[in-house]
Amino acid sequence: MKDLYHTVNPIIRIKESELLSKEIFQQLIEADSFDRVAEILRPTVYGKHLSSDFQFEFEEILNEELLATYQEMIELTPDSEIVWMYTMRNTFHNLKTLTKAARINENYDYLFLPDGFYSMEELKRAIETGHSSQLPEKVLQAIHDVESYFQESTILQGIDVIYDRRFLKEQRRLAELIGSPELLEKTIHFIDLTNIVITARCILQKRSYGFMSAVLSSAGSIAKDTFLEYVGKPMEEFKAFLLLSEYGDLLAPALNEEIDFLQLDLIKDNYLTSFFERSRTTAFGPLPLLAFLNAKDMEATNLRLIIVGKRSGFTKEQIRERMREVNEL
């Protein structure tokens, strides 16, 4: 597959030049009004989306820009599953929110995130009927599993458990199918870090062995049974295990007297960004494309944080400490 990307990656390099720099983000944080924010963004790719009240429509603006990016990459790449491997998180987010909405007769359409592949209408139809000519068989099976679950239970959290487990399993399956050792390594680390966060939250919430066994993925490098050993044990024991693991140095800043979950999420996102940054200069293979998608996603995350933060009265320091890393090109 590596040879297929020799014409794709030069185009990715050009697209990277459109990403917002650290300097621009710093200017946005320092901006003292939304007029100033608009002035900074107007020369960028976001300029075409700006209106007089753009700060109240910014979710729609970000979704439009991300969808356009995903569609462009799908047309560019020789294998669209590479793009879906990255945007799959949005597919499963949408499945979770739309399934819950259908179960409790609420409208969660505003939570829909573009993935470049499957429309809201197609997902709703699949959830309602259990059939789809567009969704992959593995995704349809997850929908069927949720339906079977509700034959015996009404607890909505089961929806998250089933979809999250399938998401991680699909990530591992696609990484192995694509055949890039670096991508497989990244995927396994992502699953490990996800399991670590889940386990820490479960210990804090005093969850049962059965619950933890259901929510943890077995697709990482750390065995599920290893995490299950900490059911009912003090958090200090789990932190000690983490500090001695291969992720010890990475996670140490979040393992204070109390685990800093905000810091854990930042560490996980920044670790993935760092991995992709190391892969950005690769001449062949799918990693530069995935690195660009990750950079675009982190850009959207940071823009959302700045706009929502300023709208909500966050201080500049509160915004800075929540920002994801931005790598200079």
C-alpha atoms as a PDB file:
ATOM      1  CA  MET A   1       0.000   0.000   0.000  1.00  0.00           C
ATOM      2  CA  LYS A   2       2.910   2.376   0.605  1.00  0.00           C
ATOM      3  CA  ASP A   3       3.529   2.901  -3.147  1.00  0.00           C
ATOM      4  CA  LEU A   4      -0.069   4.090  -3.615  1.00  0.00           C
ATOM      5  CA  TYR A   5       0.612   7.254  -1.616  1.00  0.00           C
ATOM      6  CA  HIS A   6       3.518   8.691  -3.586  1.00  0.00           C
ATOM      7  CA  THR A   7       1.175  11.185  -5.294  1.00  0.00           C
ATOM      8  CA  VAL A   8      -1.029  11.791  -2.247  1.00  0.00           C
ATOM      9  CA  ASN A   9       1.557  12.941   0.269  1.00  0.00           C
ATOM     10  CA  PRO A  10       2.880  15.933  -1.749  1.00  0.00           C
ATOM     11  CA  ILE A  11      -0.701  17.264  -1.831  1.00  0.00           C
ATOM     12  CA  ILE A  12      -0.965  16.708   1.921  1.00  0.00           C
ATOM     13  CA  ARG A  13       2.126  18.910   2.362  1.00  0.00           C
ATOM     14  CA  ILE A  14       0.318  21.728   0.543  1.00  0.00           C
ATOM     15  CA  LYS A  15      -2.822  21.270   2.668  1.00  0.00           C
ATOM     16  CA  GLU A  16      -0.711  21.454   5.831  1.00  0.00           C
ATOM     17  CA  SER A  17       0.253  25.014   4.914  1.00  0.00           C
ATOM     18  CA  GLU A  18      -3.396  26.028   5.512  1.00  0.00           C
ATOM     19  CA  LEU A  19      -3.347  24.891   9.146  1.00  0.00           C
ATOM     20  CA  LEU A  20      -3.344  27.591  11.827  1.00  0.00           C
ATOM     21  CA  SER A  21       0.036  28.249  13.432  1.00  0.00           C
ATOM     22  CA  LYS A  22       0.902  28.554  17.114  1.00  0.00           C
ATOM     23  CA  GLU A  23       1.264  32.300  16.559  1.00  0.00           C
ATOM     24  CA  ILE A  24      -2.291  32.588  15.248  1.00  0.00           C
ATOM     25  CA  PHE A  25      -3.652  30.593  18.172  1.00  0.00           C
ATOM     26  CA  GLN A  26      -1.764  32.851  20.564  1.00  0.00           C
ATOM     27  CA  GLN A  27      -3.311  35.900  18.881  1.00  0.00           C
ATOM     28  CA  LEU A  28      -6.764  34.334  19.173  1.00  0.00           C
ATOM     29  CA  ILE A  29      -6.310  33.699  22.889  1.00  0.00           C
ATOM     30  CA  GLU A  30      -5.158  37.290  23.433  1.00  0.00           C
ATOM     31  CA  ALA A  31      -7.994  38.785  21.350  1.00  0.00           C
ATOM     32  CA  ASP A  32     -10.153  41.061  23.499  1.00  0.00           C
ATOM     33  CA  SER A  33     -13.273  40.893  21.318  1.00  0.00           C
ATOM     34  CA  PHE A  34     -14.965  38.645  18.781  1.00  0.00           C
ATOM     35  CA  ASP A  35     -14.417  41.355  16.173  1.00  0.00           C
ATOM     36  CA  ARG A  36     -10.683  40.877  16.758  1.00  0.00           C
ATOM     37  CA  VAL A  37     -11.090  37.086  16.540  1.00  0.00           C
ATOM     38  CA  ALA A  38     -12.866  37.508  13.193  1.00  0.00           C
ATOM     39  CA  GLU A  39     -10.103  39.818  11.978  1.00  0.00           C
ATOM     40  CA  ILE A  40      -7.486  37.154  12.772  1.00  0.00           C
ATOM     41  CA  LEU A  41      -9.475  34.313  11.169  1.00  0.00           C
ATOM     42  CA  ARG A  42     -10.589  36.182   8.041  1.00  0.00           C
ATOM     43  CA  PRO A  43      -7.400  35.450   5.994  1.00  0.00           C
ATOM     44  CA  THR A  44      -7.557  31.739   6.928  1.00  0.00           C
ATOM     45  CA  VAL A  45      -9.705  28.909   5.538  1.00  0.00           C
ATOM     46  CA  TYR A  46     -12.305  29.807   8.190  1.00  0.00           C
ATOM     47  CA  GLY A  47     -12.770  33.316   6.806  1.00  0.00           C
ATOM     48  CA  LYS A  48     -15.379  32.250   4.266  1.00  0.00           C
ATOM     49  CA  HIS A  49     -17.607  30.963   7.075  1.00  0.00           C
ATOM     50  CA  LEU A  50     -17.602  34.093   9.251  1.00  0.00           C
ATOM     51  CA  SER A  51     -20.759  36.126   9.807  1.00  0.00           C
ATOM     52  CA  SER A  52     -21.510  39.025  12.154  1.00  0.00           C
ATOM     53  CA  ASP A  53     -22.589  36.575  14.897  1.00  0.00           C
ATOM     54  CA  PHE A  54     -20.194  33.765  14.015  1.00  0.00           C
ATOM     55  CA  GLN A  55     -19.414  33.022  17.685  1.00  0.00           C
ATOM     56  CA  PHE A  56     -22.933  31.623  18.101  1.00  0.00           C
ATOM     57  CA  GLU A  57     -22.692  29.481  14.962  1.00  0.00           C
ATOM     58  CA  PHE A  58     -19.181  28.188  15.431  1.00  0.00           C
ATOM     59  CA  GLU A  59     -20.085  24.519  15.886  1.00  0.00           C
ATOM     60  CA  GLU A  60     -21.732  24.575  12.460  1.00  0.00           C
ATOM     61  CA  ILE A  61     -18.710  26.376  10.994  1.00  0.00           C
ATOM     62  CA  LEU A  62     -16.304  23.767  12.356  1.00  0.00           C
ATOM     63  CA  ASN A  63     -18.491  20.894  11.167  1.00  0.00           C
ATOM     64  CA  GLU A  64     -18.675  22.379   7.664  1.00  0.00           C
ATOM     65  CA  GLU A  65     -14.897  22.780   7.484  1.00  0.00           C
ATOM     66  CA  LEU A  66     -14.212  19.291   8.866  1.00  0.00           C
ATOM     67  CA  LEU A  67     -16.716  17.666   6.509  1.00  0.00           C
ATOM     68  CA  ALA A  68     -15.153  19.441   3.528  1.00  0.00           C
ATOM     69  CA  THR A  69     -11.718  18.213   4.665  1.00  0.00           C
ATOM     70  CA  TYR A  70     -12.886  14.619   5.113  1.00  0.00           C
ATOM     71  CA  GLN A  71     -14.567  14.563   1.698  1.00  0.00           C
ATOM     72  CA  GLU A  72     -11.480  16.007   0.028  1.00  0.00           C
ATOM     73  CA  MET A  73      -9.269  13.368   1.648  1.00  0.00           C
ATOM     74  CA  ILE A  74     -11.671  10.565   0.694  1.00  0.00           C
ATOM     75  CA  GLU A  75     -11.450  11.633  -2.963  1.00  0.00           C
ATOM     76  CA  LEU A  76      -7.674  11.970  -2.718  1.00  0.00           C
ATOM     77  CA  THR A  77      -6.721   8.713  -1.022  1.00  0.00           C
ATOM     78  CA  PRO A  78      -6.465   5.366  -2.854  1.00  0.00           C
ATOM     79  CA  ASP A  79      -8.188   3.654   0.085  1.00  0.00           C
ATOM     80  CA  SER A  80     -10.998   5.532   1.822  1.00  0.00           C
ATOM     81  CA  GLU A  81     -10.827   3.202   4.848  1.00  0.00           C
ATOM     82  CA  ILE A  82      -7.691   5.139   5.852  1.00  0.00           C
ATOM     83  CA  VAL A  83      -9.848   8.232   6.327  1.00  0.00           C
ATOM     84  CA  TRP A  84     -12.582   6.289   8.080  1.00  0.00           C
ATOM     85  CA  MET A  85     -10.064   4.861  10.508  1.00  0.00           C
ATOM     86  CA  TYR A  86      -9.619   8.419  11.750  1.00  0.00           C
ATOM     87  CA  THR A  87     -13.225   9.662  11.452  1.00  0.00           C
ATOM     88  CA  MET A  88     -14.662   6.403  12.813  1.00  0.00           C
ATOM     89  CA  ARG A  89     -14.720   8.003  16.274  1.00  0.00           C
ATOM     90  CA  ASN A  90     -17.377  10.384  14.946  1.00  0.00           C
ATOM     91  CA  THR A  91     -19.362   7.529  13.407  1.00  0.00           C
ATOM     92  CA  PHE A  92     -19.590   5.752  16.755  1.00  0.00           C
ATOM     93  CA  HIS A  93     -20.245   9.009  18.634  1.00  0.00           C
ATOM     94  CA  ASN A  94     -23.206   9.561  16.301  1.00  0.00           C
ATOM     95  CA  LEU A  95     -24.450   6.019  16.795  1.00  0.00           C
ATOM     96  CA  LYS A  96     -24.397   6.489  20.572  1.00  0.00           C
ATOM     97  CA  THR A  97     -26.230   9.817  20.597  1.00  0.00           C
ATOM     98  CA  LEU A  98     -28.803   8.874  17.951  1.00  0.00           C
ATOM     99  CA  THR A  99     -29.519   5.510  19.596  1.00  0.00           C
ATOM    100  CA  LYS A 100     -30.085   7.201  22.960  1.00  0.00           C
ATOM    101  CA  ALA A 101     -32.291   9.824  21.305  1.00  0.00           C
ATOM    102  CA  ALA A 102     -34.430   7.093  19.739  1.00  0.00           C
ATOM    103  CA  ARG A 103     -34.711   5.223  23.057  1.00  0.00           C
ATOM    104  CA  ILE A 104     -35.857   8.205  25.134  1.00  0.00           C
ATOM    105  CA  ASN A 105     -37.716  10.028  22.339  1.00  0.00           C
ATOM    106  CA  GLU A 106     -35.450  13.084  22.399  1.00  0.00           C
ATOM    107  CA  ASN A 107     -33.837  15.108  19.610  1.00  0.00           C
ATOM    108  CA  TYR A 108     -30.028  14.994  19.751  1.00  0.00           C
ATOM    109  CA  ASP A 109     -29.478  15.987  16.122  1.00  0.00           C
ATOM    110  CA  TYR A 110     -27.424  18.992  17.264  1.00  0.00           C
ATOM    111  CA  LEU A 111     -24.779  16.589  18.614  1.00  0.00           C
ATOM    112  CA  PHE A 112     -24.155  15.029  15.195  1.00  0.00           C
ATOM    113  CA  LEU A 113     -20.520  15.135  14.041  1.00  0.00           C
ATOM    114  CA  PRO A 114     -19.530  14.673  10.375  1.00  0.00           C
ATOM    115  CA  ASP A 115     -17.454  11.629   9.508  1.00  0.00           C
ATOM    116  CA  GLY A 116     -17.380  12.063   5.735  1.00  0.00           C
ATOM    117  CA  PHE A 117     -19.162   8.756   5.112  1.00  0.00           C
ATOM    118  CA  TYR A 118     -22.536   8.265   6.765  1.00  0.00           C
ATOM    119  CA  SER A 119     -25.332  10.815   6.976  1.00  0.00           C
ATOM    120  CA  MET A 120     -27.560  11.342   9.976  1.00  0.00           C
ATOM    121  CA  GLU A 121     -30.504   9.992   8.007  1.00  0.00           C
ATOM    122  CA  GLU A 122     -28.666   6.771   7.112  1.00  0.00           C
ATOM    123  CA  LEU A 123     -27.640   6.160  10.716  1.00  0.00           C
ATOM    124  CA  LYS A 124     -31.145   6.857  12.018  1.00  0.00           C
ATOM    125  CA  ARG A 125     -32.601   4.461   9.452  1.00  0.00           C
ATOM    126  CA  ALA A 126     -30.132   1.732  10.406  1.00  0.00           C
ATOM    127  CA  ILE A 127     -30.863   2.193  14.111  1.00  0.00           C
ATOM    128  CA  GLU A 128     -34.615   2.019  13.458  1.00  0.00           C
ATOM    129  CA  THR A 129     -34.645  -0.913  11.020  1.00  0.00           C
ATOM    130  CA  GLY A 130     -31.384  -2.757  11.708  1.00  0.00           C
ATOM    131  CA  HIS A 131     -30.596  -2.665   7.980  1.00  0.00           C
ATOM    132  CA  SER A 132     -28.366  -0.545   5.755  1.00  0.00           C
ATOM    133  CA  SER A 133     -26.849  -0.872   2.304  1.00  0.00           C
ATOM    134  CA  GLN A 134     -24.105   1.611   3.231  1.00  0.00           C
ATOM    135  CA  LEU A 135     -22.892   0.806   6.748  1.00  0.00           C
ATOM    136  CA  PRO A 136     -20.174  -1.846   7.192  1.00  0.00           C
ATOM    137  CA  GLU A 137     -21.331  -5.208   8.481  1.00  0.00           C
ATOM    138  CA  LYS A 138     -19.345  -4.765  11.713  1.00  0.00           C
ATOM    139  CA  VAL A 139     -21.194  -1.513  12.457  1.00  0.00           C
ATOM    140  CA  LEU A 140     -24.563  -3.103  11.731  1.00  0.00           C
ATOM    141  CA  GLN A 141     -23.639  -5.923  14.111  1.00  0.00           C
ATOM    142  CA  ALA A 142     -22.992  -3.358  16.848  1.00  0.00           C
ATOM    143  CA  ILE A 143     -26.460  -1.881  16.219  1.00  0.00           C
ATOM    144  CA  HIS A 144     -27.954  -5.392  16.466  1.00  0.00           C
ATOM    145  CA  ASP A 145     -26.012  -5.998  19.705  1.00  0.00           C
ATOM    146  CA  VAL A 146     -27.499  -2.830  21.197  1.00  0.00           C
ATOM    147  CA  GLU A 147     -30.982  -3.916  20.169  1.00  0.00           C
ATOM    148  CA  SER A 148     -30.431  -7.328  21.784  1.00  0.00           C
ATOM    149  CA  TYR A 149     -29.146  -5.641  24.928  1.00  0.00           C
ATOM    150  CA  PHE A 150     -32.381  -3.684  25.261  1.00  0.00           C
ATOM    151  CA  GLN A 151     -34.373  -6.909  25.217  1.00  0.00           C
ATOM    152  CA  GLU A 152     -33.035  -7.451  28.757  1.00  0.00           C
ATOM    153  CA  SER A 153     -32.090  -4.013  30.071  1.00  0.00           C
ATOM    154  CA  THR A 154     -33.155  -0.350  29.943  1.00  0.00           C
ATOM    155  CA  ILE A 155     -29.903   1.190  31.259  1.00  0.00           C
ATOM    156  CA  LEU A 156     -28.703   3.673  28.643  1.00  0.00           C
ATOM    157  CA  GLN A 157     -25.044   3.319  29.639  1.00  0.00           C
ATOM    158  CA  GLY A 158     -25.032  -0.073  27.961  1.00  0.00           C
ATOM    159  CA  ILE A 159     -25.209   1.744  24.629  1.00  0.00           C
ATOM    160  CA  ASP A 160     -21.842   3.400  25.277  1.00  0.00           C
ATOM    161  CA  VAL A 161     -20.279   0.131  26.408  1.00  0.00           C
ATOM    162  CA  ILE A 162     -21.283  -1.821  23.292  1.00  0.00           C
ATOM    163  CA  TYR A 163     -20.385   0.871  20.782  1.00  0.00           C
ATOM    164  CA  ASP A 164     -17.099   1.820  22.469  1.00  0.00           C
ATOM    165  CA  ARG A 165     -15.945  -1.784  22.569  1.00  0.00           C
ATOM    166  CA  ARG A 166     -16.771  -2.248  18.876  1.00  0.00           C
ATOM    167  CA  PHE A 167     -15.018   1.023  17.998  1.00  0.00           C
ATOM    168  CA  LEU A 168     -11.739  -0.068  19.584  1.00  0.00           C
ATOM    169  CA  LYS A 169     -11.988  -3.517  18.040  1.00  0.00           C
ATOM    170  CA  GLU A 170     -12.521  -1.979  14.592  1.00  0.00           C
ATOM    171  CA  GLN A 171      -9.559   0.346  15.116  1.00  0.00           C
ATOM    172  CA  ARG A 172      -7.310  -2.642  15.792  1.00  0.00           C
ATOM    173  CA  ARG A 173      -8.748  -4.632  12.869  1.00  0.00           C
ATOM    174  CA  LEU A 174      -8.207  -1.814  10.364  1.00  0.00           C
ATOM    175  CA  ALA A 175      -4.714  -1.072  11.656  1.00  0.00           C
ATOM    176  CA  GLU A 176      -3.748  -4.703  11.071  1.00  0.00           C
ATOM    177  CA  LEU A 177      -5.435  -4.735   7.653  1.00  0.00           C
ATOM    178  CA  ILE A 178      -3.634  -1.588   6.479  1.00  0.00           C
ATOM    179  CA  GLY A 179      -0.310  -3.205   7.275  1.00  0.00           C
ATOM    180  CA  SER A 180       1.637  -0.231   8.610  1.00  0.00           C
ATOM    181  CA  PRO A 181       3.663  -1.286  11.703  1.00  0.00           C
ATOM    182  CA  GLU A 182       3.791   2.344  12.882  1.00  0.00           C
ATOM    183  CA  LEU A 183       0.026   2.749  12.579  1.00  0.00           C
ATOM    184  CA  LEU A 184      -0.575  -0.523  14.417  1.00  0.00           C
ATOM    185  CA  GLU A 185       1.731   0.627  17.210  1.00  0.00           C
ATOM    186  CA  LYS A 186      -0.133   3.943  17.482  1.00  0.00           C
ATOM    187  CA  THR A 187      -3.494   2.163  17.551  1.00  0.00           C
ATOM    188  CA  ILE A 188      -2.439  -0.247  20.299  1.00  0.00           C
ATOM    189  CA  HIS A 189      -1.124   2.630  22.406  1.00  0.00           C
ATOM    190  CA  PHE A 190      -4.394   4.525  21.860  1.00  0.00           C
ATOM    191  CA  ILE A 191      -6.353   1.486  23.112  1.00  0.00           C
ATOM    192  CA  ASP A 192      -4.041   1.104  26.124  1.00  0.00           C
ATOM    193  CA  LEU A 193      -4.434   4.770  27.066  1.00  0.00           C
ATOM    194  CA  THR A 194      -8.201   4.523  26.656  1.00  0.00           C
ATOM    195  CA  ASN A 195      -8.285   1.460  28.937  1.00  0.00           C
ATOM    196  CA  ILE A 196      -6.145   3.298  31.505  1.00  0.00           C
ATOM    197  CA  VAL A 197      -8.558   6.239  31.635  1.00  0.00           C
ATOM    198  CA  ILE A 198     -11.559   3.891  31.839  1.00  0.00           C
ATOM    199  CA  THR A 199      -9.995   1.871  34.658  1.00  0.00           C
ATOM    200  CA  ALA A 200      -9.111   4.981  36.664  1.00  0.00           C
ATOM    201  CA  ARG A 201     -12.666   6.295  36.363  1.00  0.00           C
ATOM    202  CA  CYS A 202     -14.125   2.905  37.304  1.00  0.00           C
ATOM    203  CA  ILE A 203     -11.933   2.655  40.415  1.00  0.00           C
ATOM    204  CA  LEU A 204     -12.960   6.173  41.425  1.00  0.00           C
ATOM    205  CA  GLN A 205     -16.646   5.296  40.921  1.00  0.00           C
ATOM    206  CA  LYS A 206     -16.239   1.914  42.695  1.00  0.00           C
ATOM    207  CA  ARG A 207     -17.532  -0.015  39.696  1.00  0.00           C
ATOM    208  CA  SER A 208     -18.002  -3.781  39.825  1.00  0.00           C
ATOM    209  CA  TYR A 209     -15.802  -6.438  38.223  1.00  0.00           C
ATOM    210  CA  GLY A 210     -18.582  -7.260  35.759  1.00  0.00           C
ATOM    211  CA  PHE A 211     -18.995  -3.648  34.690  1.00  0.00           C
ATOM    212  CA  MET A 212     -15.262  -3.131  34.194  1.00  0.00           C
ATOM    213  CA  SER A 213     -14.957  -6.387  32.272  1.00  0.00           C
ATOM    214  CA  ALA A 214     -17.695  -5.156  29.936  1.00  0.00           C
ATOM    215  CA  VAL A 215     -16.251  -1.701  29.253  1.00  0.00           C
ATOM    216  CA  LEU A 216     -12.557  -2.552  28.868  1.00  0.00           C
ATOM    217  CA  SER A 217     -11.137  -3.505  25.482  1.00  0.00           C
ATOM    218  CA  SER A 218      -9.025  -6.612  24.978  1.00  0.00           C
ATOM    219  CA  ALA A 219      -7.416  -5.177  21.813  1.00  0.00           C
ATOM    220  CA  GLY A 220      -4.527  -3.357  23.530  1.00  0.00           C
ATOM    221  CA  SER A 221      -1.099  -4.569  24.632  1.00  0.00           C
ATOM    222  CA  ILE A 222      -1.966  -4.586  28.354  1.00  0.00           C
ATOM    223  CA  ALA A 223      -4.185  -7.574  29.107  1.00  0.00           C
ATOM    224  CA  LYS A 224      -7.700  -6.822  30.284  1.00  0.00           C
ATOM    225  CA  ASP A 225      -7.109  -9.135  33.256  1.00  0.00           C
ATOM    226  CA  THR A 226      -4.276  -6.861  34.372  1.00  0.00           C
ATOM    227  CA  PHE A 227      -6.683  -3.939  34.693  1.00  0.00           C
ATOM    228  CA  LEU A 228      -9.302  -6.120  36.363  1.00  0.00           C
ATOM    229  CA  GLU A 229      -6.851  -6.928  39.162  1.00  0.00           C
ATOM    230  CA  TYR A 230      -7.462  -3.403  40.492  1.00  0.00           C
ATOM    231  CA  VAL A 231     -11.212  -3.771  40.960  1.00  0.00           C
ATOM    232  CA  GLY A 232     -12.010  -2.779  44.537  1.00  0.00           C
ATOM    233  CA  LYS A 233      -8.416  -1.743  45.270  1.00  0.00           C
ATOM    234  CA  PRO A 234      -7.210   1.739  46.273  1.00  0.00           C
ATOM    235  CA  MET A 235      -6.386   4.176  43.496  1.00  0.00           C
ATOM    236  CA  GLU A 236      -2.847   4.442  44.879  1.00  0.00           C
ATOM    237  CA  GLU A 237      -2.143   0.848  43.826  1.00  0.00           C
ATOM    238  CA  PHE A 238      -3.311   1.519  40.288  1.00  0.00           C
ATOM    239  CA  LYS A 239      -1.226   4.704  40.098  1.00  0.00           C
ATOM    240  CA  ALA A 240       1.822   2.753  41.290  1.00  0.00           C
ATOM    241  CA  PHE A 241       1.224   0.207  38.519  1.00  0.00           C
ATOM    242  CA  LEU A 242       0.943   2.966  35.903  1.00  0.00           C
ATOM    243  CA  LEU A 243       4.149   4.661  37.014  1.00  0.00           C
ATOM    244  CA  LEU A 244       6.049   1.387  36.546  1.00  0.00           C
ATOM    245  CA  SER A 245       4.451   0.657  33.166  1.00  0.00           C
ATOM    246  CA  GLU A 246       5.788   1.737  29.777  1.00  0.00           C
ATOM    247  CA  TYR A 247       3.426   4.719  30.029  1.00  0.00           C
ATOM    248  CA  GLY A 248       4.772   5.857  33.407  1.00  0.00           C
ATOM    249  CA  ASP A 249       6.773   8.861  32.243  1.00  0.00           C
ATOM    250  CA  LEU A 250       4.020   9.929  29.863  1.00  0.00           C
ATOM    251  CA  LEU A 251       1.253   9.797  32.489  1.00  0.00           C
ATOM    252  CA  ALA A 252       3.226  11.028  35.522  1.00  0.00           C
ATOM    253  CA  PRO A 253       2.061  14.698  35.238  1.00  0.00           C
ATOM    254  CA  ALA A 254      -1.555  13.559  35.741  1.00  0.00           C
ATOM    255  CA  LEU A 255      -0.873  11.105  38.582  1.00  0.00           C
ATOM    256  CA  ASN A 256      -0.939  13.513  41.495  1.00  0.00           C
ATOM    257  CA  GLU A 257      -2.565  12.966  44.893  1.00  0.00           C
ATOM    258  CA  GLU A 258      -5.788  12.826  42.909  1.00  0.00           C
ATOM    259  CA  ILE A 259      -5.736  11.756  39.273  1.00  0.00           C
ATOM    260  CA  ASP A 260      -6.184  14.761  37.004  1.00  0.00           C
ATOM    261  CA  PHE A 261      -8.591  13.453  34.348  1.00  0.00           C
ATOM    262  CA  LEU A 262      -8.453  16.670  32.332  1.00  0.00           C
ATOM    263  CA  GLN A 263      -4.684  16.252  32.188  1.00  0.00           C
ATOM    264  CA  LEU A 264      -5.067  12.578  31.221  1.00  0.00           C
ATOM    265  CA  ASP A 265      -7.230  13.521  28.247  1.00  0.00           C
ATOM    266  CA  LEU A 266      -4.735  16.199  27.228  1.00  0.00           C
ATOM    267  CA  ILE A 267      -1.863  13.721  27.523  1.00  0.00           C
ATOM    268  CA  LYS A 268      -3.674  11.182  25.343  1.00  0.00           C
ATOM    269  CA  ASP A 269      -4.474  13.740  22.630  1.00  0.00           C
ATOM    270  CA  ASN A 270      -0.995  15.262  22.728  1.00  0.00           C
ATOM    271  CA  TYR A 271       0.631  11.822  22.590  1.00  0.00           C
ATOM    272  CA  LEU A 272      -1.253  11.032  19.381  1.00  0.00           C
ATOM    273  CA  THR A 273      -0.333  14.430  17.942  1.00  0.00           C
ATOM    274  CA  SER A 274       3.318  13.781  18.823  1.00  0.00           C
ATOM    275  CA  PHE A 275       3.177  10.374  17.145  1.00  0.00           C
ATOM    276  CA  PHE A 276       1.692  11.837  13.988  1.00  0.00           C
ATOM    277  CA  GLU A 277       4.200  14.691  14.014  1.00  0.00           C
ATOM    278  CA  ARG A 278       7.027  12.151  13.941  1.00  0.00           C
ATOM    279  CA  SER A 279       5.308  10.513  10.971  1.00  0.00           C
ATOM    280  CA  ARG A 280       4.596  13.744   9.103  1.00  0.00           C
ATOM    281  CA  THR A 281       7.806  13.723   7.093  1.00  0.00           C
ATOM    282  CA  THR A 282       7.364  10.117   5.950  1.00  0.00           C
ATOM    283  CA  ALA A 283       7.505  10.092   2.153  1.00  0.00           C
ATOM    284  CA  PHE A 284       5.302   7.045   1.625  1.00  0.00           C
ATOM    285  CA  GLY A 285       2.341   5.303   3.206  1.00  0.00           C
ATOM    286  CA  PRO A 286      -0.844   6.577   4.881  1.00  0.00           C
ATOM    287  CA  LEU A 287       0.667   8.190   7.986  1.00  0.00           C
ATOM    288  CA  PRO A 288       1.080  11.738   6.590  1.00  0.00           C
ATOM    289  CA  LEU A 289      -2.605  11.751   5.613  1.00  0.00           C
ATOM    290  CA  LEU A 290      -3.611  10.588   9.096  1.00  0.00           C
ATOM    291  CA  ALA A 291      -1.268  13.167  10.605  1.00  0.00           C
ATOM    292  CA  PHE A 292      -3.015  15.902   8.628  1.00  0.00           C
ATOM    293  CA  LEU A 293      -6.464  14.692   9.715  1.00  0.00           C
ATOM    294  CA  ASN A 294      -5.317  14.667  13.335  1.00  0.00           C
ATOM    295  CA  ALA A 295      -3.860  18.173  12.996  1.00  0.00           C
ATOM    296  CA  LYS A 296      -7.118  19.413  11.481  1.00  0.00           C
ATOM    297  CA  ASP A 297      -9.122  17.794  14.273  1.00  0.00           C
ATOM    298  CA  MET A 298      -6.909  19.281  16.997  1.00  0.00           C
ATOM    299  CA  GLU A 299      -7.196  22.647  15.256  1.00  0.00           C
ATOM    300  CA  ALA A 300     -10.994  22.401  15.444  1.00  0.00           C
ATOM    301  CA  THR A 301     -10.794  21.344  19.099  1.00  0.00           C
ATOM    302  CA  ASN A 302      -8.652  24.362  19.959  1.00  0.00           C
ATOM    303  CA  LEU A 303     -10.826  26.785  17.999  1.00  0.00           C
ATOM    304  CA  ARG A 304     -13.919  25.448  19.725  1.00  0.00           C
ATOM    305  CA  LEU A 305     -12.224  25.851  23.093  1.00  0.00           C
ATOM    306  CA  ILE A 306     -11.236  29.460  22.367  1.00  0.00           C
ATOM    307  CA  ILE A 307     -14.642  30.548  21.059  1.00  0.00           C
ATOM    308  CA  VAL A 308     -16.714  28.728  23.681  1.00  0.00           C
ATOM    309  CA  GLY A 309     -14.250  29.725  26.398  1.00  0.00           C
ATOM    310  CA  LYS A 310     -14.426  33.416  25.529  1.00  0.00           C
ATOM    311  CA  ARG A 311     -18.204  33.200  25.231  1.00  0.00           C
ATOM    312  CA  SER A 312     -18.384  31.573  28.688  1.00  0.00           C
ATOM    313  CA  GLY A 313     -16.018  33.999  30.399  1.00  0.00           C
ATOM    314  CA  PHE A 314     -12.967  31.736  30.739  1.00  0.00           C
ATOM    315  CA  THR A 315      -9.701  33.491  31.523  1.00  0.00           C
ATOM    316  CA  LYS A 316      -6.850  33.356  29.025  1.00  0.00           C
ATOM    317  CA  GLU A 317      -4.960  31.033  31.362  1.00  0.00           C
ATOM    318  CA  GLN A 318      -7.961  28.681  31.662  1.00  0.00           C
ATOM    319  CA  ILE A 319      -8.088  28.475  27.872  1.00  0.00           C
ATOM    320  CA  ARG A 320      -4.334  27.935  27.521  1.00  0.00           C
ATOM    321  CA  GLU A 321      -4.197  25.060  29.991  1.00  0.00           C
ATOM    322  CA  ARG A 322      -6.875  23.187  28.018  1.00  0.00           C
ATOM    323  CA  MET A 323      -5.315  23.710  24.586  1.00  0.00           C
ATOM    324  CA  ARG A 324      -4.064  20.749  22.578  1.00  0.00           C
ATOM    325  CA  GLU A 325      -0.549  20.853  21.172  1.00  0.00           C
ATOM    326  CA  VAL A 326      -0.039  22.572  17.829  1.00  0.00           C
ATOM    327  CA  ASN A 327       3.022  21.508  15.884  1.00  0.00           C
ATOM    328  CA  GLU A 328       4.865  23.993  13.699  1.00  0.00           C
ATOM    329  CA  LEU A 329       5.250  22.939  10.091  1.00  0.00           C
END
